[in-house]
């Protein structure tokens, strides 16, 4: 399975750190955020990763190289201007191929990736156009995004909404009819959810949207505390 890391955002709320770095290269506990993703993707058997780049994007290949230190092959999808999520995925399709692929936001942190085997099979077999992982609603997003019905399909119901974790498996056909250029993912997902074409599940591991300096500091303190408790 191939994967894509979304890394083209400007990161306004993480300034001044992002004045000189792409957001996924911001360091936490001594390591750029994106390196945690690369390590975890390698652990679940991913071998090829596409990283999109826009703001200060040249710094990503400078720091990450070709991915060989993680046992990965990294391809970089350069965006002259940020294409937003769906537009960025659309542009990267030539690298991602004809089979389902995993996409993860570059500015989140999770303790571990879920078992993606069943999700991949469902998308591969055509049971769904995408499979998304949802997390408990954080303080800054109490309204949530989507709900999950008894059959595991996502709905737009207002009841028991959870927050989209920025982690999903997609079939390339979901993006095939999109025009080239800047395209947001939200409208595309909502249209497909309305057609009952997206499945998902609740993901209960630790998850953090590292979107502000305050949340970055909170994650930093958590990781340092964990490292302190690890046996020598």
Protein backbone atom coordinates (compact mmCIF):
# COMPACT_ATOMS: atom_id res chain seq x y z
CA UNK A 1 0.00 0.00 0.00
CA UNK A 2 1.15 3.51 -0.82
CA UNK A 3 0.62 6.53 1.42
CA UNK A 4 0.49 10.30 1.11
CA UNK A 5 1.41 12.83 3.78
CA UNK A 6 -0.24 16.23 3.39
CA UNK A 7 2.50 18.77 4.04
CA UNK A 8 1.73 21.83 1.90
CA UNK A 9 -0.07 24.04 4.45
CA UNK A 10 1.24 27.43 5.58
CA UNK A 11 0.70 26.90 9.32
CA UNK A 12 -0.31 30.46 10.20
CA UNK A 13 -1.24 29.62 13.80
CA UNK A 14 2.19 28.11 14.44
CA UNK A 15 4.05 31.29 13.55
CA UNK A 16 6.79 32.32 14.13
CA UNK A 17 7.98 28.69 13.92
CA UNK A 18 6.48 28.30 10.45
CA UNK A 19 8.01 31.52 9.14
CA UNK A 20 11.12 29.51 8.41
CA UNK A 21 9.82 25.92 8.25
CA UNK A 22 6.98 23.98 6.61
CA UNK A 23 4.54 23.02 9.37
CA UNK A 24 5.34 19.25 9.31
CA UNK A 25 9.03 20.01 9.95
CA UNK A 26 8.26 21.73 13.26
CA UNK A 27 10.09 19.77 15.92
CA UNK A 28 8.49 18.13 18.95
CA UNK A 29 10.55 16.19 21.50
CA UNK A 30 13.60 16.60 19.30
CA UNK A 31 12.10 15.27 16.06
CA UNK A 32 10.13 16.84 13.18
CA UNK A 33 6.45 15.91 13.26
CA UNK A 34 6.59 14.29 9.84
CA UNK A 35 9.33 11.86 10.90
CA UNK A 36 6.96 10.27 13.42
CA UNK A 37 4.62 9.55 10.48
CA UNK A 38 7.38 8.08 8.34
CA UNK A 39 8.43 5.74 11.14
CA UNK A 40 4.86 4.54 11.72
CA UNK A 41 4.11 4.10 8.01
CA UNK A 42 7.20 1.93 7.63
CA UNK A 43 6.07 -0.18 10.59
CA UNK A 44 2.75 -1.08 8.91
CA UNK A 45 4.44 -2.10 5.67
CA UNK A 46 4.12 1.02 3.53
CA UNK A 47 7.03 1.25 1.09
CA UNK A 48 6.18 4.30 -1.06
CA UNK A 49 5.15 7.72 0.26
CA UNK A 50 4.15 10.88 -1.58
CA UNK A 51 4.63 14.19 0.22
CA UNK A 52 3.07 17.32 -1.23
CA UNK A 53 4.96 20.56 -0.77
CA UNK A 54 4.21 24.25 -1.19
CA UNK A 55 5.25 26.70 1.55
CA UNK A 56 9.06 26.40 1.87
CA UNK A 57 8.57 22.99 0.32
CA UNK A 58 12.19 22.63 -0.79
CA UNK A 59 13.13 22.09 2.85
CA UNK A 60 11.23 18.78 2.96
CA UNK A 61 13.50 16.87 0.54
CA UNK A 62 16.52 18.64 2.04
CA UNK A 63 15.71 17.15 5.45
CA UNK A 64 14.01 13.87 4.53
CA UNK A 65 15.87 12.88 1.38
CA UNK A 66 14.64 9.90 -0.60
CA UNK A 67 13.23 8.10 2.46
CA UNK A 68 15.81 5.32 2.48
CA UNK A 69 16.69 5.81 6.14
CA UNK A 70 13.17 4.59 6.99
CA UNK A 71 13.13 1.90 4.30
CA UNK A 72 10.78 4.05 2.21
CA UNK A 73 10.74 5.61 -1.22
CA UNK A 74 9.59 9.23 -1.01
CA UNK A 75 8.25 11.15 -3.99
CA UNK A 76 7.55 14.87 -3.71
CA UNK A 77 4.53 16.51 -5.33
CA UNK A 78 5.39 20.18 -5.76
CA UNK A 79 2.56 22.70 -5.69
CA UNK A 80 3.26 26.20 -6.97
CA UNK A 81 0.47 27.37 -4.70
CA UNK A 82 -1.21 25.18 -2.09
CA UNK A 83 -3.97 23.17 -3.78
CA UNK A 84 -5.82 22.28 -0.54
CA UNK A 85 -6.37 18.66 0.39
CA UNK A 86 -8.39 17.25 -2.50
CA UNK A 87 -6.47 19.26 -5.09
CA UNK A 88 -3.18 18.08 -3.65
CA UNK A 89 -4.30 14.44 -3.71
CA UNK A 90 -5.59 14.86 -7.29
CA UNK A 91 -2.21 16.14 -8.45
CA UNK A 92 -0.40 13.27 -6.69
CA UNK A 93 -2.51 10.49 -8.28
CA UNK A 94 0.19 9.56 -10.86
CA UNK A 95 2.45 8.52 -7.96
CA UNK A 96 -0.33 6.89 -5.94
CA UNK A 97 -1.48 4.50 -8.66
CA UNK A 98 -4.76 2.72 -9.30
CA UNK A 99 -5.28 1.01 -5.94
CA UNK A 100 -6.45 2.43 -2.59
CA UNK A 101 -3.92 4.51 -0.68
CA UNK A 102 -3.61 5.92 2.82
CA UNK A 103 -3.56 9.69 3.44
CA UNK A 104 -2.50 11.33 6.69
CA UNK A 105 -2.33 14.99 7.64
CA UNK A 106 1.22 16.14 8.23
CA UNK A 107 0.30 18.32 11.21
CA UNK A 108 -1.23 15.71 13.50
CA UNK A 109 0.36 13.35 16.00
CA UNK A 110 -0.92 9.90 16.88
CA UNK A 111 0.63 7.31 19.16
CA UNK A 112 0.21 4.56 16.58
CA UNK A 113 -1.54 3.85 13.32
CA UNK A 114 -4.61 1.60 13.39
CA UNK A 115 -4.73 -1.78 11.72
CA UNK A 116 -5.62 -0.76 8.18
CA UNK A 117 -6.08 -4.25 6.70
CA UNK A 118 -9.89 -4.44 6.85
CA UNK A 119 -10.31 -0.82 5.76
CA UNK A 120 -8.08 -1.37 2.75
CA UNK A 121 -9.98 -4.49 1.74
CA UNK A 122 -13.34 -2.74 1.91
CA UNK A 123 -12.17 0.11 -0.30
CA UNK A 124 -10.31 -2.22 -2.66
CA UNK A 125 -13.38 -4.43 -3.07
CA UNK A 126 -15.60 -1.45 -3.84
CA UNK A 127 -17.66 -1.51 -0.64
CA UNK A 128 -16.72 2.12 -0.02
CA UNK A 129 -14.97 4.98 -1.81
CA UNK A 130 -13.09 5.82 1.37
CA UNK A 131 -12.61 4.67 4.95
CA UNK A 132 -11.97 7.33 7.60
CA UNK A 133 -10.88 7.19 11.21
CA UNK A 134 -12.67 9.46 13.68
CA UNK A 135 -11.53 10.51 17.14
CA UNK A 136 -13.18 11.95 20.24
CA UNK A 137 -13.96 15.63 19.81
CA UNK A 138 -11.12 17.81 21.15
CA UNK A 139 -11.83 20.96 23.14
CA UNK A 140 -11.30 23.19 20.09
CA UNK A 141 -13.73 21.18 17.90
CA UNK A 142 -16.59 20.06 20.15
CA UNK A 143 -19.13 19.96 17.31
CA UNK A 144 -17.32 17.12 15.55
CA UNK A 145 -17.52 16.30 11.85
CA UNK A 146 -19.31 13.02 11.10
CA UNK A 147 -21.27 10.28 12.83
CA UNK A 148 -21.03 6.51 12.32
CA UNK A 149 -24.19 4.45 11.85
CA UNK A 150 -24.78 0.85 12.96
CA UNK A 151 -23.46 -0.48 9.63
CA UNK A 152 -20.20 1.42 9.92
CA UNK A 153 -21.11 4.05 7.33
CA UNK A 154 -20.43 7.70 7.98
CA UNK A 155 -23.41 10.04 8.16
CA UNK A 156 -23.97 13.77 8.45
CA UNK A 157 -26.32 13.30 11.40
CA UNK A 158 -25.98 15.86 14.19
CA UNK A 159 -26.12 13.13 16.81
CA UNK A 160 -22.91 11.69 18.29
CA UNK A 161 -20.60 13.34 15.82
CA UNK A 162 -16.89 12.61 16.12
CA UNK A 163 -13.90 14.46 14.68
CA UNK A 164 -12.19 13.37 11.48
CA UNK A 165 -8.64 12.41 12.47
CA UNK A 166 -7.04 13.44 9.18
CA UNK A 167 -6.37 9.77 8.48
CA UNK A 168 -8.10 7.72 5.81
CA UNK A 169 -7.85 5.23 2.97
CA UNK A 170 -9.18 6.44 -0.38
CA UNK A 171 -9.86 4.91 -3.75
CA UNK A 172 -8.32 7.02 -6.52
CA UNK A 173 -11.66 7.01 -8.37
CA UNK A 174 -13.02 9.34 -5.68
CA UNK A 175 -10.77 12.08 -7.10
CA UNK A 176 -10.73 11.12 -10.77
CA UNK A 177 -13.55 13.45 -11.81
CA UNK A 178 -12.24 16.47 -9.94
CA UNK A 179 -10.93 19.30 -12.11
CA UNK A 180 -7.27 20.18 -11.72
CA UNK A 181 -6.41 22.98 -9.30
CA UNK A 182 -7.36 24.06 -5.82
CA UNK A 183 -10.02 21.78 -4.30
CA UNK A 184 -11.11 21.30 -0.69
CA UNK A 185 -11.73 17.79 0.63
CA UNK A 186 -14.74 18.59 2.81
CA UNK A 187 -17.35 19.05 0.06
CA UNK A 188 -16.18 15.91 -1.72
CA UNK A 189 -16.44 13.84 1.46
CA UNK A 190 -19.87 15.21 2.32
CA UNK A 191 -21.18 14.42 -1.15
CA UNK A 192 -19.88 10.86 -0.94
CA UNK A 193 -21.18 10.43 2.62
CA UNK A 194 -24.60 11.59 1.42
CA UNK A 195 -24.45 8.75 -1.11
CA UNK A 196 -23.51 6.29 1.69
CA UNK A 197 -20.16 5.62 0.03
CA UNK A 198 -17.83 6.22 2.99
CA UNK A 199 -17.21 3.93 5.94
CA UNK A 200 -15.28 4.57 9.11
CA UNK A 201 -14.56 3.72 12.70
CA UNK A 202 -13.77 5.30 16.04
CA UNK A 203 -10.03 5.50 16.75
CA UNK A 204 -9.30 5.70 20.47
CA UNK A 205 -5.51 6.09 20.52
CA UNK A 206 -3.93 9.38 21.57
CA UNK A 207 -4.38 11.97 18.81
CA UNK A 208 -3.39 15.63 18.65
CA UNK A 209 -4.05 18.24 15.99
CA UNK A 210 -0.85 20.24 16.31
CA UNK A 211 -2.40 23.42 14.96
CA UNK A 212 -1.38 26.00 17.54
CA UNK A 213 1.63 26.83 19.71
CA UNK A 214 -0.39 25.87 22.78
CA UNK A 215 -1.19 22.38 21.47
CA UNK A 216 2.39 21.94 20.29
CA UNK A 217 3.62 22.72 23.80
CA UNK A 218 1.13 20.30 25.31
CA UNK A 219 2.32 17.52 22.99
CA UNK A 220 5.94 18.35 23.74
CA UNK A 221 5.35 17.98 27.47
CA UNK A 222 3.51 14.68 26.97
CA UNK A 223 6.26 13.13 24.88
CA UNK A 224 9.00 14.30 27.20
CA UNK A 225 7.11 12.84 30.17
CA UNK A 226 6.72 9.51 28.36
CA UNK A 227 10.43 9.42 27.47
CA UNK A 228 11.33 10.15 31.08
CA UNK A 229 9.27 7.16 32.23
CA UNK A 230 10.81 4.73 29.74
CA UNK A 231 13.23 2.19 31.25
CA UNK A 232 16.92 2.64 30.44
